[in-house]
Protein backbone atom coordinates (compact mmCIF):
# COMPACT_ATOMS: atom_id res chain seq x y z
CA MET A 1 27.83 -5.93 10.92
CA GLY A 2 24.10 -5.58 11.48
CA GLU A 3 22.12 -7.14 14.26
CA ARG A 4 21.71 -10.87 13.75
CA VAL A 5 18.15 -11.89 12.97
CA ILE A 6 16.53 -13.53 15.98
CA ASP A 7 13.14 -14.73 17.08
CA PRO A 8 12.34 -12.15 19.76
CA ASP A 9 9.47 -14.13 21.27
CA LYS A 10 11.66 -17.18 21.81
CA VAL A 11 14.47 -15.05 23.23
CA ILE A 12 12.08 -13.44 25.70
CA GLU A 13 10.72 -16.87 26.70
CA MET A 14 14.30 -18.07 27.19
CA GLY A 15 14.95 -15.02 29.38
CA LYS A 16 11.89 -15.80 31.49
CA ALA A 17 13.05 -19.41 31.90
CA THR A 18 16.50 -18.16 32.91
CA VAL A 19 15.03 -15.85 35.54
CA LYS A 20 12.97 -18.74 36.90
CA ALA A 21 16.10 -20.90 37.09
CA SER A 22 17.91 -18.08 38.89
CA ILE A 23 15.17 -17.88 41.52
CA GLU A 24 15.17 -21.65 42.01
CA ILE A 25 18.97 -21.77 42.37
CA GLU A 26 18.89 -19.03 45.00
CA ALA A 27 16.13 -20.92 46.88
CA MET A 28 18.20 -24.11 46.74
CA GLY A 29 21.21 -22.24 48.12
CA ARG A 30 19.12 -20.84 50.98
CA ALA A 31 17.84 -24.34 51.81
CA ALA A 32 21.40 -25.72 51.68
CA ARG A 33 22.61 -22.99 54.05
CA THR A 34 19.87 -23.93 56.56
CA VAL A 35 20.97 -27.56 56.53
CA ILE A 36 24.69 -26.67 56.73
CA ASP A 37 24.18 -24.22 59.58
CA ASP A 38 22.58 -26.96 61.63
CA VAL A 39 25.75 -29.09 61.50
CA ASP A 40 28.51 -26.53 60.97
CA HIS A 41 29.30 -26.37 64.72
CA LEU A 42 30.18 -30.07 64.59
CA VAL A 43 32.69 -30.00 61.69
CA GLY A 44 33.42 -26.32 61.00
CA GLY A 45 34.64 -24.77 57.75
CA ALA A 46 31.43 -25.41 55.84
CA PRO A 47 31.33 -23.91 52.31
CA ASP A 48 29.25 -20.82 51.66
CA ALA A 49 26.61 -22.62 49.60
CA PHE A 50 24.18 -19.75 49.72
CA GLY A 51 26.78 -17.18 48.61
CA ARG A 52 27.80 -19.35 45.66
CA ALA A 53 24.18 -19.92 44.69
CA GLN A 54 23.52 -16.19 44.87
CA LYS A 55 26.46 -15.50 42.55
CA VAL A 56 25.24 -18.01 39.95
CA ALA A 57 21.66 -16.77 40.27
CA GLY A 58 22.81 -13.17 39.80
CA GLU A 59 24.79 -14.03 36.65
CA LEU A 60 21.79 -15.88 35.22
CA ALA A 61 19.48 -12.96 35.98
CA GLU A 62 21.92 -10.57 34.30
CA ARG A 63 22.04 -12.76 31.17
CA ALA A 64 18.24 -12.93 31.15
CA GLY A 65 18.06 -9.14 31.26
CA GLU A 66 20.53 -8.84 28.38
CA ALA A 67 18.53 -11.32 26.30
CA HIS A 68 15.28 -9.44 26.94
CA ALA A 69 16.91 -6.11 26.06
CA ARG A 70 18.31 -7.54 22.86
CA ALA A 71 14.93 -8.96 21.85
CA VAL A 72 13.22 -5.61 22.48
CA ARG A 73 15.95 -3.73 20.61
CA PHE A 74 15.47 -6.08 17.66
CA ILE A 75 11.72 -5.42 17.68
CA ASP A 76 12.10 -1.64 17.95
CA ASP A 77 15.05 -1.00 15.63
CA VAL A 78 15.70 -3.97 13.35
CA LYS A 79 12.70 -6.16 12.64
CA ALA A 80 10.65 -3.51 10.80
CA LEU A 81 13.49 -2.92 8.35
CA GLU A 82 14.38 -6.61 8.04
CA GLU A 83 10.80 -7.34 6.96
CA LEU A 84 11.20 -5.11 3.90
CA GLY A 85 13.56 -7.65 2.37
CA THR A 86 11.10 -10.54 2.63
CA TRP A 87 8.47 -11.54 0.11
CA GLN A 88 5.93 -11.96 2.93
CA PHE A 89 5.89 -8.18 3.42
CA TRP A 90 5.27 -7.33 -0.24
CA LEU A 91 2.71 -10.01 -1.12
CA PRO A 92 -0.91 -10.01 0.11
CA ASN A 93 -1.71 -12.34 2.98
CA PRO A 94 -5.36 -13.48 2.82
CA GLY A 95 -5.05 -14.69 6.41
CA ASN A 96 -5.06 -11.06 7.56
CA LEU A 97 -8.70 -10.83 6.45
CA THR A 98 -9.75 -13.72 8.70
CA ASP A 99 -7.86 -12.80 11.86
CA PRO A 100 -9.98 -13.17 15.03
CA ASP A 101 -9.01 -9.61 15.95
CA LYS A 102 -11.51 -7.60 13.87
CA MET A 103 -9.47 -4.46 14.38
CA LYS A 104 -6.53 -6.14 12.68
CA VAL A 105 -8.78 -7.16 9.80
CA VAL A 106 -10.14 -3.71 8.99
CA THR A 107 -6.75 -2.02 9.45
CA SER A 108 -4.77 -4.59 7.46
CA ASP A 109 -3.03 -3.58 4.23
CA GLU A 110 -5.19 -6.05 2.34
CA PHE A 111 -8.45 -4.48 3.55
CA GLY A 112 -7.31 -0.86 3.37
CA GLY A 113 -5.68 -1.35 -0.03
CA GLY A 114 -8.92 -2.80 -1.33
CA VAL A 115 -11.01 0.13 -0.10
CA ILE A 116 -8.56 2.69 -1.47
CA GLY A 117 -8.25 0.66 -4.69
CA VAL A 118 -11.99 0.88 -5.36
CA SER A 119 -11.82 4.60 -4.61
CA GLY A 120 -8.95 4.98 -7.08
CA PHE A 121 -10.91 3.13 -9.74
CA LEU A 122 -13.96 5.36 -9.28
CA MET A 123 -11.82 8.51 -9.27
CA SER A 124 -9.95 7.46 -12.41
CA LYS A 125 -13.23 6.76 -14.16
CA TYR A 126 -15.45 9.53 -12.82
CA GLY A 127 -13.56 11.71 -10.37
CA ARG A 128 -12.41 14.50 -12.66
CA GLY A 129 -15.29 14.39 -15.08
CA ALA A 130 -14.70 15.40 -18.69
CA THR A 131 -14.89 18.46 -20.92
CA LEU A 132 -16.71 18.79 -24.22
CA TYR A 133 -16.41 21.68 -26.66
CA GLN A 134 -19.77 23.15 -27.61
CA PRO A 135 -19.99 25.54 -30.59
CA GLY A 136 -21.06 29.05 -29.70
CA PRO A 137 -23.69 31.08 -31.58
CA GLY A 138 -22.64 31.80 -35.16
CA SER A 139 -19.76 29.34 -35.13
CA ALA A 140 -18.95 27.57 -38.34
CA ILE A 141 -19.80 23.92 -37.90
CA PRO A 142 -17.48 21.59 -39.79
CA VAL A 143 -19.13 19.16 -42.11
CA ILE A 144 -17.87 15.67 -41.36
CA PRO A 145 -18.42 13.53 -44.42
CA ARG A 146 -20.20 10.23 -44.02
CA LEU A 147 -18.24 7.20 -45.02
CA ASP A 148 -21.15 5.61 -46.84
CA ARG A 149 -21.43 8.67 -49.11
CA MET A 150 -17.76 8.92 -50.02
CA PRO A 151 -16.53 7.72 -53.40
CA PRO A 152 -14.24 4.67 -53.27
CA ALA A 153 -10.60 5.46 -52.65
CA GLY A 154 -7.90 4.34 -55.06
CA GLY A 155 -6.45 1.01 -53.97
CA GLN A 156 -9.33 0.38 -51.55
CA VAL A 157 -9.66 -3.23 -50.34
CA THR A 158 -12.09 -5.06 -48.06
CA PHE A 159 -11.19 -7.92 -45.76
CA GLY A 160 -12.09 -9.06 -42.28
CA GLY A 161 -15.40 -7.24 -42.61
CA ARG A 162 -13.69 -3.83 -42.84
CA THR A 163 -12.66 -1.47 -45.60
CA TRP A 164 -9.04 -0.42 -45.86
CA VAL A 165 -7.48 2.37 -47.95
CA PRO A 166 -3.86 3.30 -48.67
CA GLY A 167 -2.61 6.13 -46.51
CA ALA A 168 -0.04 8.78 -47.38
CA GLY A 169 2.84 6.31 -47.13
CA GLY A 170 1.02 3.55 -48.94
CA LEU A 171 0.23 1.64 -45.74
CA LEU A 172 -3.32 0.33 -45.55
CA VAL A 173 -5.39 2.06 -42.87
CA PRO A 174 -9.04 1.70 -41.78
CA ALA A 175 -11.31 3.68 -44.06
CA GLY A 176 -12.65 6.84 -42.45
CA THR A 177 -9.71 7.42 -40.12
CA PRO A 178 -9.46 11.24 -39.78
CA GLY A 179 -6.20 12.66 -41.04
CA VAL A 180 -5.07 9.29 -42.39
CA ASP A 181 -7.75 8.42 -44.92
CA PRO A 182 -6.96 11.00 -47.64
CA ARG A 183 -10.71 11.62 -48.19
CA PHE A 184 -11.24 12.83 -44.60
CA PRO A 185 -9.96 16.02 -42.93
CA ASN A 186 -7.80 15.88 -39.83
CA LEU A 187 -10.29 16.30 -36.98
CA SER A 188 -7.74 16.43 -34.16
CA PRO A 189 -8.45 18.21 -30.82
CA ALA A 190 -6.44 21.15 -32.17
CA ILE A 191 -9.52 22.07 -34.21
CA ALA A 192 -10.90 23.73 -31.09
CA GLU A 193 -8.03 26.22 -31.03
CA ASP A 194 -8.36 26.77 -34.79
CA TRP A 195 -12.02 27.71 -34.36
CA LYS A 196 -11.22 30.14 -31.56
CA THR A 197 -8.65 31.82 -33.78
CA THR A 198 -10.84 31.89 -36.88
CA HIS A 199 -14.02 32.93 -35.09
CA PRO A 200 -13.03 35.03 -32.06
CA GLY A 201 -15.72 35.00 -29.41
CA ARG A 202 -17.85 32.57 -31.37
CA GLY A 203 -15.75 29.42 -31.33
CA LEU A 204 -16.00 26.34 -29.18
CA ARG A 205 -16.57 26.89 -25.50
CA PRO A 206 -15.65 24.23 -22.93
CA VAL A 207 -18.60 22.62 -21.23
CA PRO A 208 -17.81 20.40 -18.19
CA VAL A 209 -19.49 17.04 -18.07
CA ASN A 210 -20.04 16.19 -14.44
CA PRO A 211 -19.67 12.57 -13.27
CA PRO A 212 -22.55 10.80 -11.50
CA ARG A 213 -22.93 12.06 -7.93
CA TRP A 214 -22.77 8.54 -6.52
CA ALA A 215 -19.36 8.11 -8.14
CA VAL A 216 -18.02 11.39 -6.73
CA VAL A 217 -19.34 10.70 -3.23
CA GLY A 218 -18.26 7.06 -3.38
CA SER A 219 -14.72 7.79 -4.55
CA ASN A 220 -14.15 10.54 -2.00
CA THR A 221 -15.74 8.63 0.87
CA LEU A 222 -13.92 5.40 0.16
CA GLY A 223 -10.65 7.28 -0.26
CA TRP A 224 -10.95 8.94 3.14
CA VAL A 225 -12.15 5.75 4.81
CA GLY A 226 -9.29 3.69 3.36
CA ALA A 227 -6.71 6.32 4.25
CA GLY A 228 -8.12 6.59 7.76
CA LEU A 229 -8.02 2.84 8.27
CA THR A 230 -4.41 2.74 7.09
CA VAL A 231 -3.35 5.50 9.47
CA VAL A 232 -5.28 4.01 12.39
CA GLY A 233 -3.79 0.59 11.61
CA ALA A 234 -0.24 1.89 11.88
CA GLY A 235 -1.00 3.37 15.29
CA TYR A 236 -2.87 0.27 16.46
CA ASN A 237 -0.02 -2.03 15.47
CA GLN A 238 2.47 0.10 17.39
CA TRP A 239 0.17 0.12 20.44
CA GLN A 240 -0.15 -3.68 20.38
CA GLN A 241 3.59 -4.15 19.92
CA ASP A 242 4.45 -1.89 22.84
CA ALA A 243 1.84 -3.56 25.04
CA LYS A 244 3.57 -6.89 24.40
CA TYR A 245 7.24 -5.91 24.50
CA HIS A 246 7.19 -2.80 26.69
CA PRO A 247 5.02 -3.57 29.72
CA GLU A 248 7.03 -1.01 31.66
CA MET A 249 5.65 1.86 29.54
CA SER A 250 2.84 4.03 30.76
CA GLU A 251 -0.28 4.43 28.63
CA GLY A 252 0.84 7.97 27.84
CA GLU A 253 4.14 6.76 26.42
CA ARG A 254 2.41 4.05 24.40
CA PHE A 255 -0.12 6.54 23.04
CA ALA A 256 2.64 8.94 21.99
CA ARG A 257 4.52 6.18 20.15
CA ALA A 258 1.31 4.96 18.48
CA ALA A 259 0.47 8.49 17.33
CA GLY A 260 4.00 8.98 16.01
CA ASN A 261 3.84 5.76 14.01
CA ALA A 262 0.46 6.73 12.59
CA ALA A 263 1.84 10.11 11.53
CA THR A 264 4.87 8.65 9.75
CA GLU A 265 4.40 5.11 8.50
CA GLY A 266 0.59 5.36 8.44
CA ALA A 267 0.43 8.67 6.59
CA MET A 268 3.04 7.66 4.02
CA SER A 269 1.35 4.32 3.51
CA ALA A 270 -2.03 5.99 2.94
CA GLY A 271 -0.53 8.50 0.52
CA GLY A 272 1.25 5.77 -1.40
CA ALA A 273 -1.92 3.67 -1.52
CA ILE A 274 -3.96 6.55 -2.96
CA ALA A 275 -1.34 7.35 -5.60
CA GLY A 276 -0.87 3.67 -6.41
CA ALA A 277 -4.62 3.07 -6.68
CA TRP A 278 -5.04 5.95 -9.12
CA ALA A 279 -2.11 4.90 -11.30
CA GLY A 280 -3.09 1.23 -11.09
CA ALA A 281 -6.68 1.95 -12.07
CA LYS A 282 -5.65 4.03 -15.08
CA GLY A 283 -3.02 1.51 -16.23
CA GLY A 284 -5.27 -1.45 -15.50
CA ALA A 285 -8.10 0.06 -17.55
CA ILE A 286 -5.78 0.51 -20.54
CA VAL A 287 -4.45 -3.04 -20.30
CA GLY A 288 -7.92 -4.45 -19.68
CA ALA A 289 -9.36 -2.64 -22.68
CA ALA A 290 -6.50 -3.87 -24.86
CA VAL A 291 -7.11 -7.46 -23.77
CA GLY A 292 -10.87 -7.03 -24.10
CA SER A 293 -10.51 -5.80 -27.68
CA ILE A 294 -9.69 -9.32 -28.90
CA PHE A 295 -13.11 -10.54 -27.78
CA PRO A 296 -16.25 -9.82 -29.78
CA GLY A 297 -19.08 -7.69 -28.49
CA PRO A 298 -18.55 -5.43 -25.49
CA GLY A 299 -15.20 -7.03 -24.62
CA THR A 300 -13.29 -3.73 -24.73
CA ALA A 301 -15.64 -1.95 -22.34
CA ILE A 302 -15.88 -4.87 -19.94
CA GLY A 303 -12.12 -5.41 -20.07
CA GLY A 304 -11.50 -1.74 -19.29
CA VAL A 305 -13.79 -1.80 -16.26
CA VAL A 306 -12.46 -5.10 -14.90
CA GLY A 307 -8.87 -4.12 -15.63
CA GLY A 308 -9.33 -0.73 -13.97
CA LEU A 309 -10.84 -2.27 -10.85
CA ILE A 310 -8.15 -4.94 -10.56
CA GLY A 311 -5.46 -2.36 -11.29
CA GLY A 312 -6.85 -0.08 -8.59
CA LEU A 313 -6.87 -2.87 -6.02
CA ALA A 314 -3.34 -3.98 -6.90
CA GLY A 315 -2.06 -0.42 -7.11
CA GLY A 316 -3.61 0.51 -3.77
CA PHE A 317 -2.00 -2.45 -2.02
CA ALA A 318 1.40 -2.02 -3.68
CA GLY A 319 1.40 1.75 -3.17
CA GLY A 320 0.57 1.26 0.49
CA LYS A 321 3.48 -1.12 0.89
CA VAL A 322 5.87 1.31 -0.80
CA GLY A 323 4.60 4.11 1.44
CA ALA A 324 4.96 1.97 4.56
CA ALA A 325 8.52 1.06 3.55
CA ALA A 326 9.33 4.74 3.07
CA GLY A 327 7.83 5.52 6.47
CA ARG A 328 9.91 2.87 8.19
CA GLY A 329 13.04 4.09 6.45
CA PHE A 330 12.27 7.66 7.51
CA LYS A 331 11.80 6.62 11.14
CA ALA A 332 15.06 4.66 11.10
CA PHE A 333 16.90 7.66 9.63
CA VAL A 334 15.50 10.07 12.18
CA LYS A 335 16.26 7.71 15.07
CA GLY A 336 19.78 7.07 13.80
CA PHE A 337 20.40 10.80 13.27
CA PHE A 338 19.03 12.05 16.58
CA GLY A 339 19.72 8.90 18.58
């Protein structure tokens, strides 16, 4: 059976109260012994009030120590894993962005996930650039027929402001669709390879299209900043926790534990946030564009941008949480394996 969930702060407060009671009982026993010693020569056989008080006080102090140890053990070994099964861990907490401790604000998952999410959106949109195929000298340039100069197709119909023609299977398709409209050739990306085969040395050559410099710098900078904040946050949280629950530790010990937490939970959380932001931005852009396509005008473009940004933010936060969970699990495994 696992450790029972407790409120460590309340247990520690209870332990402090127990220690205080132990001290007071011992003081009462000492005062009682002073009074009894003054009259013991008259009656004799007085009880050992101080000895009994010391025994009770010692038992109370021992229980207080056990309670404190249990609370600290829960904090160090149990609480971090218990939190993974709660919805509070996995859902954003806006309160973390308004905490009086500014360090907690900028190192929170909500803040770091947002920074990395924007980075992921920029990288998904601009980071890798694009490649166009430019015909080389002497290459045969395909003639793409213009729709307005094509003769009507058999079975052609017009509705909804568009022209539709029967495809190979008889299904109506938008007029002018390459490879589907029987009047148009199949202009798939494979045409580039066909040209290279047909016209060796003269076919299409790849030409990179570089993204805007502000997008490259912004995506890389924000990515590193967000990852750095996530790693620093993991170390800072460990430092604060040890300062509260391990006052007996030296600063060297606390620093070592903070660095270790940054290297495990922090690094995995940052890596997960970056991967999640990228995937979220790409998926969000697709969903956003699909939703935007039902609106007239520039709905598709706007939907893709908004969807990509929201997807990046959500993916960065969720990926960070998954990474943090993996980091905590890894630490628990290592501690359980090596003791």
